[in-house]
Amino acid sequence: NAAIEFQQYFFLRTSEKSDRPKERMADIRNRIDAVYREMVERITAYTLVNSDKDYSKLISDWNANVDYFNEHSHHRKQYDIKKAVIASIPDQVFAGVPVTVMPEVFFEEKQLIFAEDYEVTYKDNHQPGTASLEVHGKGDYKGKSITRFNIVETA
């Protein structure tokens, strides 16, 4: 049953005593949403063919369950990006335009994914000198971490 599967994954994601499932919560939720939509379509089709029965209570109960999971699924544990490791950034050569570097970010042994797990902003990256790069957590990660790198005139 998709609702029971979601509930089990929800417990695994929020339990302090359990390891996290290998699958991302968003992927699990997308699978469950697809199953739910299919069930609603089947019930709607069945109701149209056999209109003598009222399935509104069943659908109303399912919608209540979906609302419950929507309300509670955002309470998953988030990890502080400050505990992540940002790989050292070598000196960057100034070429007349703002210097942007894509950092490698690791949390424990997992390499994080740009735009999914974190975003990046830059400061003082418009000229030679010391620039800073801020990694902002996203999704399962919260907060920000700052690292610095050098911008040099020539290599």
Foldseek 3Di string as FASTA:
>chain_A
DLLVVLVVLLCQQAPPPHHHDPDDNVVSVVVSVVVVVVVVVVVVVVCVVVVPDDCPVVVVVVVVSVVVCVVRSVPGAAAEQQQKDWDDDAEAADDQAFDDDDIFIGHPHDTDDEPAFWDKDKAPRRDFDKIKIKTAGDDRYHDIHMDIHTYHHHD
